[in-house]
Amino acid sequence: MRDPGTKTPALVFEYIPNIETKILARRFNNMDIRLYTYMILEALEYSHLHGIMHRDVKPLNIVIDHDNRDLRLIDWGLADFYKPENEYNVRVASRYYKGPELLVEDKKYNYSLDMWAVGCTLAGFLFKMDTFFKGSDNNDQLVKIVNTMGTANLTEYMRRYRLNMPKQLVKLIVNTE
């Protein structure tokens, strides 16, 4: 539809009664976490099977009608079609949910970006935290990840996905051990 005055196009979706997910999640029990994580994964499976990366999965983009146990993954404004040979913009996703590939500015990322964000969201649900990794900038974000995962795990992740660690980040990470 279009705004009658400005003629600006707008998308209109169904109304979902909800409480902001990061607030609602503090009340989740084990079964709620399982159900909503499953529903998020279902939404991503559907989009990934159709070649679409969401690129901004986070609690703010998850709308839950807790009374009816219903969930929607919203805000597809940063979504893009995945093509293996393409390079993509690394200025996507919210910092606290960015995968290491974005933090080291690797432009050849894929669907795993969404899965990392689901993991960060799940950790927040499980530990009743607003954000699990909370860096002050992209470099600090990577340091927070290393403090939790350890250097060996990050090194393995970087090797598996053939990512290069910028020299300034190597120095920051070495200094945290």
Protein backbone atom coordinates (compact mmCIF):
# COMPACT_ATOMS: atom_id res chain seq x y z
CA MET A 1 0.00 0.00 0.00
CA ARG A 2 1.03 3.67 -0.25
CA ASP A 3 0.72 6.49 2.23
CA PRO A 4 -2.07 8.68 0.79
CA GLY A 5 -0.23 11.97 1.47
CA THR A 6 3.37 11.19 0.55
CA LYS A 7 2.74 8.24 -1.81
CA THR A 8 5.52 6.38 0.04
CA PRO A 9 5.18 2.61 -0.44
CA ALA A 10 4.75 0.52 2.70
CA LEU A 11 4.47 -3.18 3.43
CA VAL A 12 1.68 -4.15 5.80
CA PHE A 13 1.88 -7.39 7.73
CA GLU A 14 -0.35 -9.20 10.16
CA TYR A 15 -0.55 -7.88 13.71
CA ILE A 16 1.16 -10.09 16.27
CA PRO A 17 0.55 -9.21 19.93
CA ASN A 18 3.94 -9.43 21.61
CA ILE A 19 6.36 -8.23 24.23
CA GLU A 20 9.88 -7.32 23.12
CA THR A 21 11.67 -10.66 22.80
CA LYS A 22 14.67 -9.82 24.98
CA ILE A 23 12.25 -8.95 27.81
CA LEU A 24 9.95 -11.90 27.19
CA ALA A 25 12.90 -14.31 27.00
CA ARG A 26 13.71 -13.73 30.68
CA ARG A 27 10.47 -15.62 31.47
CA PHE A 28 11.15 -18.54 29.12
CA ASN A 29 11.35 -22.02 30.58
CA ASN A 30 13.33 -24.83 28.97
CA MET A 31 10.46 -25.90 26.70
CA ASP A 32 9.83 -22.31 25.55
CA ILE A 33 13.49 -21.97 24.56
CA ARG A 34 13.36 -25.25 22.64
CA LEU A 35 10.14 -24.32 20.85
CA TYR A 36 11.17 -20.81 19.85
CA THR A 37 14.65 -21.87 18.79
CA TYR A 38 13.06 -24.57 16.64
CA MET A 39 10.69 -22.01 15.09
CA ILE A 40 13.56 -19.62 14.33
CA LEU A 41 15.47 -22.48 12.70
CA GLU A 42 12.36 -23.42 10.69
CA ALA A 43 12.08 -19.85 9.37
CA LEU A 44 15.76 -19.84 8.41
CA GLU A 45 15.56 -23.28 6.83
CA TYR A 46 12.74 -22.02 4.62
CA SER A 47 14.63 -18.89 3.60
CA HIS A 48 17.94 -20.71 3.11
CA LEU A 49 16.26 -23.37 0.95
CA HIS A 50 15.05 -20.50 -1.22
CA GLY A 51 18.56 -19.03 -1.43
CA ILE A 52 18.04 -16.12 1.00
CA MET A 53 20.30 -15.07 3.87
CA HIS A 54 18.52 -12.96 6.51
CA ARG A 55 21.75 -11.27 7.72
CA ASP A 56 20.20 -9.59 10.78
CA VAL A 57 18.87 -12.31 13.09
CA LYS A 58 18.59 -10.95 16.63
CA PRO A 59 15.95 -10.83 19.38
CA LEU A 60 14.62 -7.48 18.15
CA ASN A 61 13.80 -9.13 14.80
CA ILE A 62 11.96 -12.03 16.41
CA VAL A 63 8.31 -11.37 17.22
CA ILE A 64 6.65 -13.85 19.58
CA ASP A 65 3.00 -14.19 20.51
CA HIS A 66 3.73 -16.16 23.67
CA ASP A 67 0.07 -16.85 24.51
CA ASN A 68 -0.42 -18.65 21.19
CA ARG A 69 3.15 -19.98 20.91
CA ASP A 70 3.60 -18.25 17.57
CA LEU A 71 6.79 -16.66 16.17
CA ARG A 72 7.75 -14.53 13.18
CA LEU A 73 11.25 -13.66 11.99
CA ILE A 74 10.91 -10.08 10.75
CA ASP A 75 12.92 -7.24 9.22
CA TRP A 76 14.24 -8.73 6.03
CA GLY A 77 15.66 -5.36 4.94
CA LEU A 78 19.26 -6.63 4.97
CA ALA A 79 18.41 -9.99 3.38
CA ASP A 80 20.13 -11.01 0.17
CA PHE A 81 20.26 -13.96 -2.21
CA TYR A 82 23.25 -16.20 -1.63
CA LYS A 83 25.46 -17.00 -4.59
CA PRO A 84 28.72 -18.82 -3.74
CA GLU A 85 30.89 -16.69 -6.04
CA ASN A 86 29.57 -13.34 -4.78
CA GLU A 87 31.17 -10.97 -2.33
CA TYR A 88 28.78 -9.32 0.11
CA ASN A 89 28.76 -6.17 2.20
CA VAL A 90 30.16 -6.76 5.69
CA ARG A 91 28.20 -3.82 7.11
CA VAL A 92 25.21 -6.03 7.93
CA ALA A 93 23.85 -7.51 11.16
CA SER A 94 23.96 -5.93 14.58
CA ARG A 95 27.39 -6.00 16.21
CA TYR A 96 26.45 -8.30 19.10
CA TYR A 97 25.17 -10.93 16.66
CA LYS A 98 27.85 -10.61 13.95
CA GLY A 99 29.71 -13.75 13.05
CA PRO A 100 33.51 -13.73 13.11
CA GLU A 101 33.54 -13.60 9.30
CA LEU A 102 31.96 -10.14 9.40
CA LEU A 103 34.24 -8.98 12.21
CA VAL A 104 37.31 -9.81 10.12
CA GLU A 105 35.61 -8.31 7.03
CA ASP A 106 35.43 -11.49 4.99
CA LYS A 107 33.10 -10.68 2.08
CA LYS A 108 32.55 -14.28 0.97
CA TYR A 109 30.27 -15.33 3.81
CA ASN A 110 27.21 -17.58 3.54
CA TYR A 111 24.22 -18.90 5.48
CA SER A 112 26.43 -19.69 8.48
CA LEU A 113 26.16 -15.99 9.31
CA ASP A 114 22.49 -16.52 10.24
CA MET A 115 23.33 -19.62 12.24
CA TRP A 116 25.93 -17.74 14.30
CA ALA A 117 23.29 -15.13 15.14
CA VAL A 118 20.85 -17.87 16.19
CA GLY A 119 23.56 -19.24 18.51
CA CYS A 120 24.09 -15.81 20.06
CA THR A 121 20.33 -15.41 20.47
CA LEU A 122 20.00 -18.88 22.01
CA ALA A 123 22.82 -18.12 24.46
CA GLY A 124 20.96 -14.98 25.52
CA PHE A 125 17.78 -17.03 26.05
CA LEU A 126 19.57 -19.75 28.02
CA PHE A 127 21.55 -17.43 30.27
CA LYS A 128 18.74 -14.84 30.58
CA MET A 129 20.99 -12.11 29.17
CA ASP A 130 20.15 -9.29 26.76
CA THR A 131 23.29 -10.04 24.77
CA PHE A 132 25.82 -12.83 25.17
CA PHE A 133 28.76 -11.16 23.39
CA LYS A 134 28.75 -7.41 24.01
CA GLY A 135 31.76 -5.68 22.45
CA SER A 136 32.18 -1.90 22.27
CA ASP A 137 33.29 -2.08 18.61
CA ASN A 138 33.94 -4.82 16.05
CA ASN A 139 37.47 -5.53 17.33
CA ASP A 140 36.28 -5.72 20.94
CA GLN A 141 33.42 -7.94 19.79
CA LEU A 142 35.91 -10.45 18.42
CA VAL A 143 37.89 -10.27 21.67
CA LYS A 144 34.67 -11.07 23.62
CA ILE A 145 34.11 -14.08 21.38
CA VAL A 146 37.70 -15.27 21.91
CA ASN A 147 37.34 -14.85 25.68
CA THR A 148 34.44 -17.32 25.56
CA MET A 149 35.43 -19.69 22.76
CA GLY A 150 39.17 -19.60 23.28
CA THR A 151 41.85 -18.89 20.73
CA ALA A 152 42.06 -22.50 19.54
CA ASN A 153 38.35 -22.61 18.72
CA LEU A 154 38.49 -19.29 16.89
CA THR A 155 41.61 -20.40 15.00
CA GLU A 156 39.80 -23.60 13.96
CA TYR A 157 36.75 -21.57 12.88
CA MET A 158 38.96 -19.20 10.87
CA ARG A 159 40.81 -22.13 9.26
CA ARG A 160 37.61 -24.01 8.40
CA TYR A 161 36.15 -21.00 6.62
CA ARG A 162 39.51 -19.90 5.16
CA LEU A 163 39.40 -16.51 6.89
CA ASN A 164 42.40 -14.26 7.46
CA MET A 165 42.85 -12.48 10.76
CA PRO A 166 43.88 -8.82 10.38
CA LYS A 167 47.20 -8.11 12.14
CA GLN A 168 45.70 -5.55 14.56
CA LEU A 169 43.20 -8.19 15.72
CA VAL A 170 45.93 -10.80 16.19
CA LYS A 171 47.63 -8.38 18.61
CA LEU A 172 44.38 -7.77 20.55
CA ILE A 173 43.62 -11.47 20.82
CA VAL A 174 47.14 -12.42 21.89
CA ASN A 175 46.96 -9.76 24.61
CA THR A 176 43.75 -11.30 26.06
CA GLU A 177 45.27 -14.72 26.76
